[in-house]
Amino acid sequence: MLALAAPAFAATYDPLDVIPYDTWRASSSMTAADIQTFLAALPGPLKSLVIADYAGVVKPASQIIWDAAHAQNLNPKIILATLQKEQSLLTVSNSSNAARLVKAMGCGVWGAIDPKTGLTTNRSPGFGHQIWDGANKLSTYEITYNWFPGKTKTVTAYMTVDATKTVSGQIVHYDNTVPYDKTIVPANASTFALYTYTPYYPQRNVWDIYVRYFGDPHAPARLQPVYRFRNRSTGAYYYTSSEGTRYSLIAKSSRTWVYGGVSFTIDTSSTANTQPLYRLSNIKTHRYTYTAYKSTRDAILRAHPHYWRSAGTVGYVSTTATGGTPVYRMENKKTRAILYTQYASSVKKLTTGKRASYWNKGVAFYLGRSDPAPTPVGP
């Protein structure tokens, strides 16, 4: 089974601050194409699922997830993590998938009793309703239950107690796990929503899943990671900010690519980051080069039209030094691969001395920074 490598992070679990609110409301963190590529890299059934949404319109599962995330102003990564937490739909692929899909988000399933039959029922049957209704409940619990800072929540926790039983006439001691009511004070509306949706303490499961696939949820949502990959055969470095591309290349990592984690992050809220970082590919050498200057890109394409092709953009950066963090460019002397770093110490280490394997090409561009964004809006 493929285990996707998460972005570089230093995540610390806090049961009272599981998911920060800005991450919770980052509904644009993935495109529908990103979601599809993510699902395609995993063994679960959702990658090929085409099914009716809550309104009866037949769509791919990835589109249903994206639609719900945007309509409910909820991070689609939260929906994906919940699908795994409730029914393991990212990783389990077997004959039980049909039963899992019917209660995909665990929404309206537990404790729902049909008054006519007295049997457990499902108030949101079907994948489409599960995604829509589950996302709606997660998004609106702060309103439904009138959350405010300091509001308490009573949940079920478990403790281990000493118990005894008689075996062959002998009293045997053993550890017994028993539930009890625990009153907590969630630090934010998003953590309150998690405990309302699944009232068990702690919410470590959903946090573990989020960290495994998406990195630290406490990393500011406005900071867009730029991921680095190295081609095993050419040594060329490929940079991308696309989550979908990251998942796709990691899936091929054993054959073609080595995942290098996060190279740098772009503050998408900074007004200084307006210049596209252009990517160009060489169809002869299979190398890549990058520039933040349109004139440079156009000059390369004009000078070598038979070799170089425009290969899109990595993200938006700044060419202004004022208030920005410099990103240095180095070029491998053997492979001509372009390596970026924010650390001057790394440049010195890799480019100094007779045996240095890189040339120092100076500052390539800057990363503008802004003050923390205002609190995101609710549902």
Foldseek 3Di string as FASTA:
>chain_A
DDFAAAFDDDADDDLQCLFDQQLFLPLVLADLLLQLLLLVLEDFDQNPDWAQAPVGDTGRLSVLLSVLCVVLSGHSLLVVLQLCVQQNRSHDDDPCVVVCQQCRNVPQFPPDADPVPRDGDRPQGGNNSNSNVVSNQLQCVCVVVVDDQQDKDKAKEKDWDWDWDADPNDIDIDIDIDIDIDIDGRRDSNSVSVCVRPVYPGPVSSSVSCCSLHNHSPPRPQWQFWWWKAFPPLRAIDIASHSSVSSNVSSCCVPTIDTDHGQGIARNPFPQFDFFWWWKAFPPSRHIDTASDPVVVVVVCVVCVPTIDTDGTRGTAHADPVQWQFKWWKAFPPSRHIHIHSDPVVVCVQDDDPPRRIHTPGTRGTHHDDDRDPRDDGD
